[in-house]
Amino acid sequence: MPLELEEAATIDGCTQAATFFRIVFPILQPVVITVLILNGIWIWNGYLLPLMVLSSNGIVKTLPLAVQSFVGSYVKQWDLILTATFMAMLPVIVLFLFAQKYIIKGMVEGSIK
């Protein structure tokens, strides 16, 4: 981001906060949205940390742990596993479809001048 934009906003009488929220943040919006989406997907799919942190009595579970609970030593309930997997993926797919424009724009933002 060019420093001249911030300097021009200062000359026009903007405070530092106004410069950030009116000039800098709208320019960085695709990058911020891309980071939020990718980190959200990373957290949404978390398995190992919730497995270690959450209690083992099964009251509180994340979606991947709930899907894993349908798998036993001798029985695998494939209909429940596939349904739970689809339901766990559905919000991420919907989010991706609505935010696809921002993801692509944020990934290529620094490569094109």
N, C-alpha and C. Protein backbone atom coordinates (compact mmCIF):
# COMPACT_ATOMS: atom_id res chain seq x y z
N MET A 1 0.84 -1.17 0.00
CA MET A 1 0.00 0.00 0.00
C MET A 1 0.89 1.24 0.00
N PRO A 2 0.68 2.14 -0.91
CA PRO A 2 1.54 3.32 -1.00
C PRO A 2 1.37 4.25 0.21
N LEU A 3 2.48 4.74 0.70
CA LEU A 3 2.49 5.66 1.83
C LEU A 3 1.91 7.02 1.44
N GLU A 4 1.94 7.33 0.15
CA GLU A 4 1.41 8.61 -0.32
C GLU A 4 -0.08 8.76 -0.05
N LEU A 5 -0.82 7.64 -0.04
CA LEU A 5 -2.25 7.71 0.25
C LEU A 5 -2.49 8.17 1.69
N GLU A 6 -1.71 7.63 2.60
CA GLU A 6 -1.84 8.05 4.00
C GLU A 6 -1.41 9.50 4.18
N GLU A 7 -0.36 9.90 3.50
CA GLU A 7 0.08 11.30 3.59
C GLU A 7 -0.96 12.25 3.01
N ALA A 8 -1.58 11.86 1.92
CA ALA A 8 -2.62 12.71 1.32
C ALA A 8 -3.83 12.84 2.25
N ALA A 9 -4.18 11.76 2.94
CA ALA A 9 -5.29 11.82 3.89
C ALA A 9 -4.94 12.73 5.07
N THR A 10 -3.69 12.70 5.52
CA THR A 10 -3.25 13.56 6.62
C THR A 10 -3.30 15.03 6.18
N ILE A 11 -2.87 15.32 4.97
CA ILE A 11 -2.92 16.69 4.46
C ILE A 11 -4.37 17.17 4.35
N ASP A 12 -5.28 16.26 3.99
CA ASP A 12 -6.69 16.62 3.87
C ASP A 12 -7.37 16.77 5.22
N GLY A 13 -6.67 16.47 6.30
CA GLY A 13 -7.22 16.69 7.63
C GLY A 13 -7.76 15.46 8.34
N CYS A 14 -7.46 14.28 7.86
CA CYS A 14 -7.92 13.06 8.52
C CYS A 14 -7.03 12.75 9.72
N THR A 15 -7.64 12.21 10.76
CA THR A 15 -6.86 11.72 11.89
C THR A 15 -6.30 10.35 11.51
N GLN A 16 -5.48 9.79 12.39
CA GLN A 16 -4.92 8.47 12.10
C GLN A 16 -6.00 7.41 12.04
N ALA A 17 -6.98 7.50 12.95
CA ALA A 17 -8.07 6.52 12.94
C ALA A 17 -8.92 6.66 11.68
N ALA A 18 -9.23 7.89 11.29
CA ALA A 18 -10.01 8.11 10.07
C ALA A 18 -9.25 7.64 8.84
N THR A 19 -7.95 7.87 8.82
CA THR A 19 -7.13 7.40 7.70
C THR A 19 -7.18 5.89 7.60
N PHE A 20 -7.10 5.23 8.74
CA PHE A 20 -7.13 3.76 8.72
C PHE A 20 -8.48 3.24 8.24
N PHE A 21 -9.57 3.75 8.82
CA PHE A 21 -10.88 3.19 8.51
C PHE A 21 -11.45 3.66 7.18
N ARG A 22 -11.02 4.82 6.66
CA ARG A 22 -11.55 5.32 5.39
C ARG A 22 -10.64 5.04 4.20
N ILE A 23 -9.35 4.87 4.43
CA ILE A 23 -8.40 4.70 3.32
C ILE A 23 -7.78 3.31 3.34
N VAL A 24 -7.11 2.98 4.42
CA VAL A 24 -6.30 1.76 4.48
C VAL A 24 -7.18 0.50 4.52
N PHE A 25 -8.14 0.48 5.43
CA PHE A 25 -8.95 -0.74 5.60
C PHE A 25 -9.73 -1.13 4.35
N PRO A 26 -10.38 -0.20 3.62
CA PRO A 26 -11.06 -0.62 2.39
C PRO A 26 -10.11 -1.19 1.34
N ILE A 27 -8.89 -0.70 1.29
CA ILE A 27 -7.92 -1.24 0.33
C ILE A 27 -7.49 -2.64 0.75
N LEU A 28 -7.34 -2.87 2.05
CA LEU A 28 -6.89 -4.17 2.55
C LEU A 28 -8.04 -5.14 2.80
N GLN A 29 -9.26 -4.77 2.50
CA GLN A 29 -10.41 -5.62 2.78
C GLN A 29 -10.32 -7.01 2.14
N PRO A 30 -9.93 -7.18 0.89
CA PRO A 30 -9.83 -8.54 0.34
C PRO A 30 -8.80 -9.40 1.09
N VAL A 31 -7.71 -8.80 1.50
CA VAL A 31 -6.68 -9.55 2.22
C VAL A 31 -7.19 -9.97 3.59
N VAL A 32 -7.85 -9.06 4.28
CA VAL A 32 -8.38 -9.37 5.61
C VAL A 32 -9.44 -10.46 5.52
N ILE A 33 -10.33 -10.38 4.55
CA ILE A 33 -11.38 -11.38 4.39
C ILE A 33 -10.78 -12.74 4.04
N THR A 34 -9.75 -12.76 3.20
CA THR A 34 -9.09 -14.03 2.86
C THR A 34 -8.47 -14.67 4.09
N VAL A 35 -7.79 -13.89 4.90
CA VAL A 35 -7.18 -14.44 6.13
C VAL A 35 -8.25 -14.94 7.08
N LEU A 36 -9.35 -14.21 7.23
CA LEU A 36 -10.44 -14.65 8.11
C LEU A 36 -11.05 -15.96 7.63
N ILE A 37 -11.26 -16.08 6.33
CA ILE A 37 -11.88 -17.30 5.80
C ILE A 37 -10.94 -18.49 5.94
N LEU A 38 -9.68 -18.32 5.58
CA LEU A 38 -8.74 -19.44 5.67
C LEU A 38 -8.51 -19.87 7.11
N ASN A 39 -8.39 -18.91 8.03
CA ASN A 39 -8.25 -19.27 9.44
C ASN A 39 -9.53 -19.89 9.99
N GLY A 40 -10.68 -19.40 9.53
CA GLY A 40 -11.94 -19.99 9.97
C GLY A 40 -12.07 -21.44 9.54
N ILE A 41 -11.68 -21.73 8.31
CA ILE A 41 -11.71 -23.12 7.84
C ILE A 41 -10.72 -23.97 8.62
N TRP A 42 -9.55 -23.42 8.92
CA TRP A 42 -8.55 -24.15 9.69
C TRP A 42 -9.09 -24.49 11.08
N ILE A 43 -9.74 -23.54 11.74
CA ILE A 43 -10.31 -23.76 13.07
C ILE A 43 -11.52 -24.69 12.98
N TRP A 44 -12.34 -24.54 11.95
CA TRP A 44 -13.54 -25.36 11.78
C TRP A 44 -13.16 -26.85 11.67
N ASN A 45 -12.06 -27.12 11.01
CA ASN A 45 -11.65 -28.50 10.79
C ASN A 45 -10.71 -29.03 11.87
N GLY A 46 -10.55 -28.31 12.96
CA GLY A 46 -9.64 -28.74 14.01
C GLY A 46 -10.04 -30.08 14.62
N TYR A 47 -9.08 -30.95 14.81
CA TYR A 47 -9.37 -32.26 15.39
C TYR A 47 -8.50 -32.55 16.61
N LEU A 48 -7.20 -32.40 16.47
CA LEU A 48 -6.30 -32.85 17.52
C LEU A 48 -6.41 -32.01 18.80
N LEU A 49 -6.40 -30.68 18.67
CA LEU A 49 -6.50 -29.83 19.85
C LEU A 49 -7.82 -30.01 20.59
N PRO A 50 -8.98 -30.01 19.91
CA PRO A 50 -10.21 -30.28 20.66
C PRO A 50 -10.24 -31.67 21.28
N LEU A 51 -9.61 -32.63 20.63
CA LEU A 51 -9.57 -33.98 21.18
C LEU A 51 -8.81 -34.00 22.50
N MET A 52 -7.73 -33.22 22.59
CA MET A 52 -6.94 -33.19 23.83
C MET A 52 -7.54 -32.28 24.88
N VAL A 53 -8.18 -31.18 24.47
CA VAL A 53 -8.63 -30.18 25.42
C VAL A 53 -10.01 -30.48 26.00
N LEU A 54 -10.94 -30.88 25.15
CA LEU A 54 -12.31 -31.09 25.61
C LEU A 54 -12.39 -32.33 26.49
N SER A 55 -13.38 -32.33 27.34
CA SER A 55 -13.52 -33.44 28.28
C SER A 55 -13.84 -34.73 27.53
N SER A 56 -13.45 -35.82 28.12
CA SER A 56 -13.62 -37.12 27.46
C SER A 56 -14.98 -37.73 27.76
N ASN A 57 -15.85 -37.06 28.55
CA ASN A 57 -17.15 -37.65 28.85
C ASN A 57 -18.14 -37.48 27.70
N GLY A 58 -17.83 -36.69 26.69
CA GLY A 58 -18.64 -36.60 25.49
C GLY A 58 -19.76 -35.58 25.53
N ILE A 59 -19.80 -34.73 26.53
CA ILE A 59 -20.86 -33.72 26.58
C ILE A 59 -20.63 -32.64 25.53
N VAL A 60 -19.41 -32.13 25.44
CA VAL A 60 -19.08 -31.07 24.50
C VAL A 60 -18.18 -31.64 23.41
N LYS A 61 -18.60 -31.47 22.14
CA LYS A 61 -17.81 -31.98 21.02
C LYS A 61 -17.81 -30.97 19.90
N THR A 62 -16.72 -30.95 19.15
CA THR A 62 -16.71 -30.19 17.90
C THR A 62 -17.25 -31.11 16.80
N LEU A 63 -17.47 -30.54 15.61
CA LEU A 63 -18.03 -31.35 14.53
C LEU A 63 -17.14 -32.53 14.12
N PRO A 64 -15.81 -32.35 13.96
CA PRO A 64 -15.01 -33.52 13.61
C PRO A 64 -15.02 -34.60 14.70
N LEU A 65 -15.07 -34.20 15.96
CA LEU A 65 -15.15 -35.21 17.03
C LEU A 65 -16.51 -35.90 17.03
N ALA A 66 -17.57 -35.18 16.69
CA ALA A 66 -18.89 -35.80 16.61
C ALA A 66 -18.96 -36.79 15.45
N VAL A 67 -18.32 -36.46 14.34
CA VAL A 67 -18.28 -37.39 13.21
C VAL A 67 -17.50 -38.64 13.60
N GLN A 68 -16.41 -38.47 14.31
CA GLN A 68 -15.58 -39.60 14.73
C GLN A 68 -16.30 -40.49 15.73
N SER A 69 -17.29 -39.96 16.43
CA SER A 69 -17.99 -40.77 17.42
C SER A 69 -18.87 -41.84 16.77
N PHE A 70 -19.13 -41.74 15.47
CA PHE A 70 -19.90 -42.77 14.77
C PHE A 70 -19.04 -43.96 14.36
N VAL A 71 -17.75 -43.87 14.59
CA VAL A 71 -16.83 -44.95 14.23
C VAL A 71 -16.46 -45.70 15.50
N GLY A 72 -16.69 -47.00 15.49
CA GLY A 72 -16.35 -47.83 16.64
C GLY A 72 -15.31 -48.85 16.26
N SER A 73 -14.95 -49.70 17.20
CA SER A 73 -13.94 -50.73 16.93
C SER A 73 -14.45 -51.78 15.95
N TYR A 74 -15.71 -52.17 16.11
CA TYR A 74 -16.24 -53.24 15.28
C TYR A 74 -17.39 -52.79 14.38
N VAL A 75 -17.92 -51.61 14.63
CA VAL A 75 -19.07 -51.14 13.87
C VAL A 75 -18.75 -49.76 13.30
N LYS A 76 -19.02 -49.61 12.03
CA LYS A 76 -18.91 -48.31 11.38
C LYS A 76 -20.26 -48.01 10.76
N GLN A 77 -20.90 -46.94 11.22
CA GLN A 77 -22.22 -46.57 10.73
C GLN A 77 -22.03 -45.59 9.57
N TRP A 78 -21.85 -46.12 8.36
CA TRP A 78 -21.48 -45.30 7.23
C TRP A 78 -22.55 -44.29 6.87
N ASP A 79 -23.81 -44.65 7.04
CA ASP A 79 -24.85 -43.68 6.72
C ASP A 79 -24.79 -42.47 7.64
N LEU A 80 -24.53 -42.67 8.92
CA LEU A 80 -24.40 -41.56 9.86
C LEU A 80 -23.09 -40.79 9.67
N ILE A 81 -22.02 -41.51 9.34
CA ILE A 81 -20.73 -40.85 9.12
C ILE A 81 -20.82 -39.91 7.92
N LEU A 82 -21.37 -40.39 6.81
CA LEU A 82 -21.45 -39.57 5.61
C LEU A 82 -22.42 -38.41 5.77
N THR A 83 -23.53 -38.63 6.47
CA THR A 83 -24.47 -37.54 6.72
C THR A 83 -23.85 -36.47 7.60
N ALA A 84 -23.19 -36.89 8.68
CA ALA A 84 -22.55 -35.93 9.58
C ALA A 84 -21.41 -35.20 8.88
N THR A 85 -20.66 -35.88 8.03
CA THR A 85 -19.59 -35.23 7.28
C THR A 85 -20.15 -34.19 6.32
N PHE A 86 -21.23 -34.53 5.64
CA PHE A 86 -21.86 -33.56 4.74
C PHE A 86 -22.38 -32.35 5.49
N MET A 87 -23.01 -32.58 6.64
CA MET A 87 -23.53 -31.46 7.43
C MET A 87 -22.41 -30.60 8.01
N ALA A 88 -21.26 -31.21 8.29
CA ALA A 88 -20.12 -30.44 8.79
C ALA A 88 -19.47 -29.62 7.67
N MET A 89 -19.53 -30.12 6.45
CA MET A 89 -18.93 -29.40 5.32
C MET A 89 -19.84 -28.32 4.76
N LEU A 90 -21.13 -28.43 4.94
CA LEU A 90 -22.09 -27.54 4.31
C LEU A 90 -21.88 -26.05 4.65
N PRO A 91 -21.68 -25.66 5.92
CA PRO A 91 -21.47 -24.23 6.18
C PRO A 91 -20.20 -23.67 5.53
N VAL A 92 -19.15 -24.46 5.47
CA VAL A 92 -17.90 -24.01 4.86
C VAL A 92 -18.09 -23.85 3.35
N ILE A 93 -18.81 -24.75 2.72
CA ILE A 93 -19.07 -24.66 1.29
C ILE A 93 -19.91 -23.42 0.97
N VAL A 94 -20.95 -23.18 1.77
CA VAL A 94 -21.79 -22.00 1.56
C VAL A 94 -20.97 -20.72 1.75
N LEU A 95 -20.14 -20.69 2.79
CA LEU A 95 -19.28 -19.53 3.03
C LEU A 95 -18.34 -19.30 1.86
N PHE A 96 -17.77 -20.37 1.34
CA PHE A 96 -16.86 -20.25 0.20
C PHE A 96 -17.59 -19.71 -1.02
N LEU A 97 -18.80 -20.19 -1.28
CA LEU A 97 -19.53 -19.74 -2.46
C LEU A 97 -19.85 -18.24 -2.37
N PHE A 98 -20.18 -17.75 -1.17
CA PHE A 98 -20.49 -16.33 -1.03
C PHE A 98 -19.23 -15.47 -1.00
N ALA A 99 -18.12 -16.00 -0.52
CA ALA A 99 -16.91 -15.19 -0.36
C ALA A 99 -15.83 -15.52 -1.39
N GLN A 100 -16.17 -16.28 -2.42
CA GLN A 100 -15.19 -16.70 -3.42
C GLN A 100 -14.51 -15.51 -4.08
N LYS A 101 -15.25 -14.47 -4.36
CA LYS A 101 -14.70 -13.28 -5.02
C LYS A 101 -13.59 -12.67 -4.16
N TYR A 102 -13.83 -12.57 -2.85
CA TYR A 102 -12.85 -11.98 -1.95
C TYR A 102 -11.63 -12.88 -1.76
N ILE A 103 -11.85 -14.19 -1.75
CA ILE A 103 -10.72 -15.11 -1.59
C ILE A 103 -9.76 -14.98 -2.77
N ILE A 104 -10.28 -15.04 -3.98
CA ILE A 104 -9.43 -14.95 -5.17
C ILE A 104 -8.77 -13.58 -5.24
N LYS A 105 -9.53 -12.53 -4.96
CA LYS A 105 -8.98 -11.18 -5.01
C LYS A 105 -7.88 -10.99 -3.96
N GLY A 106 -8.06 -11.56 -2.77
CA GLY A 106 -7.07 -11.42 -1.72
C GLY A 106 -5.80 -12.22 -1.98
N MET A 107 -5.92 -13.34 -2.67
CA MET A 107 -4.74 -14.16 -2.94
C MET A 107 -3.85 -13.56 -4.01
N VAL A 108 -4.43 -12.83 -4.94
CA VAL A 108 -3.63 -12.27 -6.02
C VAL A 108 -3.37 -10.78 -5.82
N GLU A 109 -3.78 -10.22 -4.70
CA GLU A 109 -3.67 -8.78 -4.45
C GLU A 109 -2.21 -8.29 -4.54
N GLY A 110 -1.29 -9.03 -3.97
CA GLY A 110 0.10 -8.56 -3.95
C GLY A 110 0.88 -8.87 -5.21
N SER A 111 0.34 -9.73 -6.08
CA SER A 111 1.11 -10.14 -7.25
C SER A 111 0.88 -9.26 -8.46
N ILE A 112 -0.18 -8.47 -8.48
CA ILE A 112 -0.49 -7.65 -9.64
C ILE A 112 -0.28 -6.18 -9.29
N LYS A 113 0.45 -5.49 -10.09
CA LYS A 113 0.70 -4.06 -9.85
C LYS A 113 -0.12 -3.23 -10.80
